Amino acid sequence: MLYSGVDMKFALATPAIQNYPAGMAPWEPGAGGAEVLRFARTADKLSWDWLTVPEHVLMPAEMVDMMGDRFAEGIATSAVLLGATERIRLLTYVLVLPYRHPVMLAKQIAAMDFLAGGRFTLGTAVGHIEREFEILNVPFKERGRMTDEYLQAIKECWTSERPQFDGQYVKFSDIAVNPKPPQQPHPPIFIGGNSRAAMRRAAVHGDGWIPWLITAEELPECIDYMRAQPEFEAKADRFEIVMPTTSYNVEDYSHEEMGETRIAAERDEIMRDIEKLQKAGITVAQVMPPRVETFEQCLEWVEWFDSDIIPNFR
């Protein structure tokens, strides 16, 4: 492919911090922190734009077979990886917003962004595992309204010298929340989710959208819907569409495998997949390393992708 004049960005999935059966490589279950940190530092020395960090706080036992039982916590993991790297950005993919008080979350993110020199992107969504909400004592049926309000409260903490907010779920005034994040006007927020409500939330409150199980054929209609929202016009030139190159073959809510998930590993297949997604409207390709046998093979593939694939799109 010839360079189109618009740089494609690339986000690299951080392995070994989840054991999601549909995409897990054989080496990951036995890996630990040393491998994760070496992986992050390898990507940091290359041209990848983001490392992505998955998240669940807990996993109901009845879903472990479909989703695995190891999931990172997004803020702690991002903080460690930001501290271990110098250049690359971190993207939670995705953090469930209603699980945290927005003032505390705003403070945590601002502190990370301040110390890391402005390298954090908040990928967030309303969440979908009802038992996770129950155990954390968060009202599941109110998660959409809570998310909309929390997004506003977080931005207020990030951007105002004397933040104040009067909402249904959170109220504060006469406070200072410092340090402020160095990114202006604030760290980017990418909204995850496939529903029209999630797309509207991305258009109104977000700087990008992270769909799940949306195909390249379905994507243009979704983008048109977001562009039709009045709030979208002001952010159209900086709005990011983040999609995985992995073709997941799972049921949406249960994550039950319906067939084999396809993770492209060879050059021609990868190039076709990315070109197709780019033509459909994505600006960021989220890439998962293939199911190689060893950690060393994984690092070699990440370096190969960086030198042989990424330059074709820049």
Protein backbone atom coordinates (compact mmCIF):
# COMPACT_ATOMS: atom_id res chain seq x y z
CA MET A 1 0.00 0.00 0.00
CA LEU A 2 1.22 3.50 -0.80
CA TYR A 3 1.15 6.05 1.99
CA SER A 4 -2.26 7.75 1.88
CA GLY A 5 -1.17 11.08 3.38
CA VAL A 6 -2.83 10.38 6.75
CA ASP A 7 -0.79 8.51 9.33
CA MET A 8 -2.38 5.38 10.73
CA LYS A 9 -1.67 4.89 14.43
CA PHE A 10 -0.91 1.53 16.00
CA ALA A 11 -1.83 0.27 19.46
CA LEU A 12 -0.19 -2.92 20.71
CA ALA A 13 -2.07 -5.25 23.05
CA THR A 14 -0.04 -5.97 26.18
CA PRO A 15 0.10 -9.76 26.64
CA ALA A 16 0.16 -11.89 29.81
CA ILE A 17 -1.96 -9.47 31.87
CA GLN A 18 -5.09 -11.37 30.91
CA ASN A 19 -5.74 -14.97 29.96
CA TYR A 20 -8.66 -14.49 27.58
CA PRO A 21 -8.98 -17.94 25.95
CA ALA A 22 -10.00 -16.70 22.49
CA GLY A 23 -6.73 -14.85 21.94
CA MET A 24 -4.19 -16.18 24.42
CA ALA A 25 -0.81 -17.46 23.22
CA PRO A 26 0.66 -20.67 24.71
CA TRP A 27 3.46 -18.84 26.56
CA GLU A 28 1.24 -16.30 28.36
CA PRO A 29 -0.17 -18.33 31.31
CA GLY A 30 3.33 -18.93 32.66
CA ALA A 31 4.54 -15.38 32.18
CA GLY A 32 4.91 -12.80 34.93
CA GLY A 33 5.85 -9.21 35.53
CA ALA A 34 9.35 -9.53 34.13
CA GLU A 35 8.02 -10.55 30.72
CA VAL A 36 5.34 -7.83 30.71
CA LEU A 37 7.89 -5.13 31.54
CA ARG A 38 10.36 -6.38 28.92
CA PHE A 39 7.56 -6.43 26.35
CA ALA A 40 6.58 -2.83 27.20
CA ARG A 41 10.18 -1.62 27.02
CA THR A 42 10.65 -3.33 23.66
CA ALA A 43 7.57 -1.59 22.23
CA ASP A 44 8.74 1.71 23.74
CA LYS A 45 11.95 1.56 21.71
CA LEU A 46 10.00 1.03 18.48
CA SER A 47 7.34 3.18 16.79
CA TRP A 48 4.14 1.82 18.34
CA ASP A 49 1.83 4.62 19.52
CA TRP A 50 0.06 2.91 22.45
CA LEU A 51 0.19 -0.12 24.67
CA THR A 52 -3.33 -1.26 25.52
CA VAL A 53 -4.32 -2.52 28.96
CA PRO A 54 -7.45 -4.68 29.44
CA GLU A 55 -9.40 -4.66 32.65
CA HIS A 56 -11.82 -6.45 34.90
CA VAL A 57 -11.77 -6.11 38.68
CA LEU A 58 -13.03 -9.66 39.18
CA MET A 59 -14.48 -12.47 37.12
CA PRO A 60 -17.61 -14.38 38.13
CA ALA A 61 -16.80 -18.08 38.38
CA GLU A 62 -19.42 -18.97 35.79
CA MET A 63 -17.60 -16.83 33.18
CA VAL A 64 -14.04 -18.01 33.83
CA ASP A 65 -14.15 -20.68 31.11
CA MET A 66 -15.11 -18.06 28.50
CA MET A 67 -13.09 -15.06 29.70
CA GLY A 68 -10.30 -16.43 31.88
CA ASP A 69 -9.58 -15.50 35.48
CA ARG A 70 -6.58 -13.17 35.04
CA PHE A 71 -7.31 -9.55 34.23
CA ALA A 72 -5.20 -6.54 35.09
CA GLU A 73 -6.57 -3.57 37.00
CA GLY A 74 -6.26 -0.71 34.56
CA ILE A 75 -4.93 2.15 36.67
CA ALA A 76 -2.29 0.21 38.61
CA THR A 77 -1.08 -1.54 35.48
CA SER A 78 -0.92 1.67 33.47
CA ALA A 79 1.03 3.39 36.24
CA VAL A 80 3.64 0.62 36.34
CA LEU A 81 4.01 0.51 32.55
CA LEU A 82 4.23 4.29 32.28
CA GLY A 83 6.99 4.22 34.88
CA ALA A 84 8.82 1.49 32.95
CA THR A 85 8.73 3.34 29.61
CA GLU A 86 9.72 6.76 28.27
CA ARG A 87 7.85 7.43 25.02
CA ILE A 88 4.91 5.14 24.36
CA ARG A 89 1.39 6.03 25.48
CA LEU A 90 -0.91 3.82 27.58
CA LEU A 91 -4.56 3.17 26.71
CA THR A 92 -6.98 1.34 28.99
CA TYR A 93 -8.92 -0.97 26.71
CA VAL A 94 -11.31 -0.54 28.48
CA LEU A 95 -11.71 0.65 32.07
CA VAL A 96 -15.25 0.37 33.52
CA LEU A 97 -15.99 3.90 34.64
CA PRO A 98 -18.83 3.40 37.18
CA TYR A 99 -16.56 1.27 39.40
CA ARG A 100 -14.58 4.33 40.57
CA HIS A 101 -15.51 7.56 42.27
CA PRO A 102 -14.81 10.17 39.58
CA VAL A 103 -12.78 12.49 41.82
CA MET A 104 -10.47 9.64 42.85
CA LEU A 105 -10.14 8.44 39.26
CA ALA A 106 -9.46 11.97 38.01
CA LYS A 107 -6.75 12.31 40.66
CA GLN A 108 -5.11 8.98 39.80
CA ILE A 109 -5.03 9.73 36.08
CA ALA A 110 -3.78 13.28 36.60
CA ALA A 111 -0.95 12.00 38.80
CA MET A 112 0.06 9.40 36.21
CA ASP A 113 -0.11 11.86 33.37
CA PHE A 114 1.87 14.46 35.33
CA LEU A 115 4.67 12.05 36.22
CA ALA A 116 4.77 10.39 32.79
CA GLY A 117 4.84 13.61 30.80
CA GLY A 118 1.37 13.36 29.28
CA ARG A 119 1.18 9.78 27.98
CA PHE A 120 -2.11 8.38 29.28
CA THR A 121 -5.33 7.87 27.31
CA LEU A 122 -8.50 6.84 29.13
CA GLY A 123 -10.38 4.16 27.24
CA THR A 124 -13.58 3.62 29.16
CA ALA A 125 -17.10 2.19 28.96
CA VAL A 126 -20.17 1.44 31.05
CA GLY A 127 -19.35 -2.26 31.61
CA HIS A 128 -21.48 -5.35 31.03
CA ILE A 129 -20.89 -8.06 33.67
CA GLU A 130 -23.79 -7.63 36.08
CA ARG A 131 -22.32 -9.70 38.92
CA GLU A 132 -19.18 -7.58 38.87
CA PHE A 133 -21.39 -4.55 39.55
CA GLU A 134 -23.28 -6.36 42.30
CA ILE A 135 -20.12 -7.35 44.17
CA LEU A 136 -18.72 -3.81 43.89
CA ASN A 137 -22.07 -2.41 45.07
CA VAL A 138 -22.62 -0.31 41.94
CA PRO A 139 -26.15 -0.12 40.46
CA PHE A 140 -25.98 -1.98 37.15
CA LYS A 141 -29.09 -0.44 35.61
CA GLU A 142 -27.83 3.08 36.29
CA ARG A 143 -24.38 2.59 34.78
CA GLY A 144 -25.09 4.63 31.65
CA ARG A 145 -26.32 7.69 33.54
CA MET A 146 -23.47 7.34 36.02
CA THR A 147 -20.92 7.18 33.22
CA ASP A 148 -22.23 10.32 31.53
CA GLU A 149 -22.12 12.22 34.81
CA TYR A 150 -18.74 10.86 35.87
CA LEU A 151 -17.16 11.91 32.56
CA GLN A 152 -18.28 15.48 33.16
CA ALA A 153 -17.06 15.42 36.77
CA ILE A 154 -13.65 14.05 35.78
CA LYS A 155 -13.15 16.76 33.17
CA GLU A 156 -14.12 19.38 35.73
CA CYS A 157 -11.43 18.10 38.10
CA TRP A 158 -8.84 18.11 35.32
CA THR A 159 -9.55 21.55 33.88
CA SER A 160 -10.80 23.84 36.68
CA GLU A 161 -8.63 25.50 39.32
CA ARG A 162 -11.54 25.27 41.80
CA PRO A 163 -13.63 22.35 40.59
CA GLN A 164 -17.32 22.23 41.37
CA PHE A 165 -20.02 19.85 40.28
CA ASP A 166 -23.62 19.25 41.29
CA GLY A 167 -24.95 15.98 39.90
CA GLN A 168 -27.19 13.10 40.87
CA TYR A 169 -24.31 10.78 41.80
CA VAL A 170 -21.51 13.14 42.76
CA LYS A 171 -21.33 16.64 44.22
CA PHE A 172 -18.31 18.75 45.14
CA SER A 173 -17.25 22.38 45.44
CA ASP A 174 -14.62 24.55 47.12
CA ILE A 175 -11.83 22.07 46.43
CA ALA A 176 -8.47 21.98 44.67
CA VAL A 177 -7.39 18.91 42.68
CA ASN A 178 -3.72 19.09 41.70
CA PRO A 179 -1.45 18.31 39.94
CA LYS A 180 -3.27 18.84 36.68
CA PRO A 181 -2.58 16.52 33.74
CA PRO A 182 -0.18 18.17 31.28
CA GLN A 183 -2.21 17.13 28.22
CA GLN A 184 -4.48 19.91 26.99
CA PRO A 185 -7.31 20.38 27.40
CA HIS A 186 -7.12 17.03 29.24
CA PRO A 187 -6.03 13.43 28.64
CA PRO A 188 -7.91 11.97 25.66
CA ILE A 189 -11.01 9.90 26.42
CA PHE A 190 -11.99 7.06 24.08
CA ILE A 191 -15.45 5.58 24.66
CA GLY A 192 -16.00 1.85 24.19
CA GLY A 193 -19.24 0.14 23.23
CA ASN A 194 -21.39 -0.82 20.26
CA SER A 195 -24.77 0.64 21.18
CA ARG A 196 -26.17 3.88 19.81
CA ALA A 197 -25.94 5.21 23.36
CA ALA A 198 -22.19 4.46 23.41
CA MET A 199 -21.74 6.15 20.04
CA ARG A 200 -23.61 9.23 21.25
CA ARG A 201 -21.49 9.22 24.41
CA ALA A 202 -18.35 9.12 22.29
CA ALA A 203 -19.57 12.01 20.14
CA VAL A 204 -20.61 14.13 23.13
CA HIS A 205 -17.99 13.33 25.77
CA GLY A 206 -15.19 11.51 23.97
CA ASP A 207 -12.18 12.09 21.78
CA GLY A 208 -12.48 8.67 20.17
CA TRP A 209 -14.52 5.48 19.94
CA ILE A 210 -13.56 1.85 20.64
CA PRO A 211 -16.07 -0.55 19.06
CA TRP A 212 -16.24 -4.25 19.94
CA LEU A 213 -17.30 -6.93 17.44
CA ILE A 214 -18.09 -4.33 14.80
CA THR A 215 -17.05 -5.35 11.28
CA ALA A 216 -15.40 -3.19 8.64
CA GLU A 217 -18.65 -3.39 6.68
CA GLU A 218 -20.68 -2.05 9.62
CA LEU A 219 -18.22 0.68 10.57
CA PRO A 220 -19.09 3.45 8.06
CA GLU A 221 -22.72 3.56 9.19
CA CYS A 222 -21.58 3.87 12.81
CA ILE A 223 -19.20 6.70 11.95
CA ASP A 224 -21.95 8.49 10.03
CA TYR A 225 -24.20 8.22 13.09
CA MET A 226 -21.56 9.83 15.33
CA ARG A 227 -20.86 12.53 12.76
CA ALA A 228 -24.57 13.38 12.78
CA GLN A 229 -24.41 14.31 16.48
CA PRO A 230 -24.16 18.12 16.90
CA GLU A 231 -21.23 17.86 19.32
CA PHE A 232 -19.08 15.88 16.88
CA GLU A 233 -18.21 18.69 14.48
CA ALA A 234 -15.90 20.48 16.90
CA LYS A 235 -13.75 17.36 17.38
CA ALA A 236 -13.98 15.79 13.91
CA ASP A 237 -10.34 16.51 13.00
CA ARG A 238 -8.94 14.82 16.11
CA PHE A 239 -11.46 12.04 16.76
CA GLU A 240 -9.91 8.57 16.79
CA ILE A 241 -11.60 5.30 15.73
CA VAL A 242 -9.79 2.38 17.37
CA MET A 243 -10.46 -1.14 16.08
CA PRO A 244 -8.71 -4.46 16.62
CA THR A 245 -7.16 -6.28 13.70
CA THR A 246 -8.11 -9.50 15.51
CA SER A 247 -11.31 -11.08 14.18
CA TYR A 248 -12.98 -12.34 17.35
CA ASN A 249 -15.52 -15.12 16.90
CA VAL A 250 -17.26 -14.87 20.26
CA GLU A 251 -20.75 -14.12 21.54
CA ASP A 252 -21.07 -10.50 22.63
CA TYR A 253 -22.00 -10.71 26.31
CA SER A 254 -21.09 -14.24 27.39
CA HIS A 255 -17.85 -14.29 25.32
CA GLU A 256 -18.59 -17.92 24.46
CA GLU A 257 -16.45 -18.94 21.50
CA MET A 258 -18.56 -19.49 18.38
CA GLY A 259 -15.58 -20.61 16.31
CA GLU A 260 -11.89 -19.82 15.95
CA THR A 261 -10.72 -16.26 16.53
CA ARG A 262 -8.42 -15.16 13.71
CA ILE A 263 -5.20 -13.32 14.56
CA ALA A 264 -3.34 -12.50 11.37
CA ALA A 265 0.38 -13.26 11.56
CA GLU A 266 1.63 -13.14 7.95
CA ARG A 267 2.43 -9.98 5.99
CA ASP A 268 -0.09 -10.22 3.14
CA GLU A 269 -3.01 -11.05 5.43
CA ILE A 270 -2.08 -8.28 7.89
CA MET A 271 -1.76 -5.71 5.10
CA ARG A 272 -5.16 -6.66 3.64
CA ASP A 273 -6.82 -6.44 7.06
CA ILE A 274 -5.39 -3.02 7.90
CA GLU A 275 -6.10 -1.58 4.44
CA LYS A 276 -9.72 -2.75 4.71
CA LEU A 277 -10.14 -1.19 8.14
CA GLN A 278 -8.46 2.03 7.06
CA LYS A 279 -10.79 2.37 4.08
CA ALA A 280 -13.74 1.79 6.42
CA GLY A 281 -12.66 4.73 8.57
CA ILE A 282 -10.42 3.61 11.44
CA THR A 283 -7.52 5.79 12.53
CA VAL A 284 -5.95 3.41 15.09
CA ALA A 285 -5.32 -0.31 14.57
CA GLN A 286 -5.16 -2.30 17.80
CA VAL A 287 -2.86 -5.25 17.16
CA MET A 288 -2.61 -8.46 19.15
CA PRO A 289 0.54 -10.58 18.67
CA PRO A 290 -0.28 -14.00 17.20
CA ARG A 291 -0.38 -17.25 19.15
CA VAL A 292 3.33 -18.03 18.94
CA GLU A 293 4.83 -20.63 21.23
CA THR A 294 7.41 -18.59 23.14
CA PHE A 295 7.89 -15.12 24.58
CA GLU A 296 11.01 -14.59 22.48
CA GLN A 297 9.04 -15.34 19.31
CA CYS A 298 6.46 -12.77 20.44
CA LEU A 299 9.12 -10.06 20.82
CA GLU A 300 10.57 -10.93 17.42
CA TRP A 301 7.14 -10.61 15.80
CA VAL A 302 6.51 -7.22 17.45
CA GLU A 303 9.84 -5.96 16.11
CA TRP A 304 9.11 -7.42 12.65
CA PHE A 305 5.67 -5.75 12.55
CA ASP A 306 7.24 -2.44 13.50
CA SER A 307 9.82 -2.55 10.73
CA ASP A 308 7.85 -4.31 7.98
CA ILE A 309 4.18 -3.26 8.43
CA ILE A 310 3.92 0.11 10.19
CA PRO A 311 6.05 2.11 7.69
CA ASN A 312 3.58 1.27 4.90
CA PHE A 313 0.93 3.36 6.64
CA ARG A 314 3.07 6.41 7.45
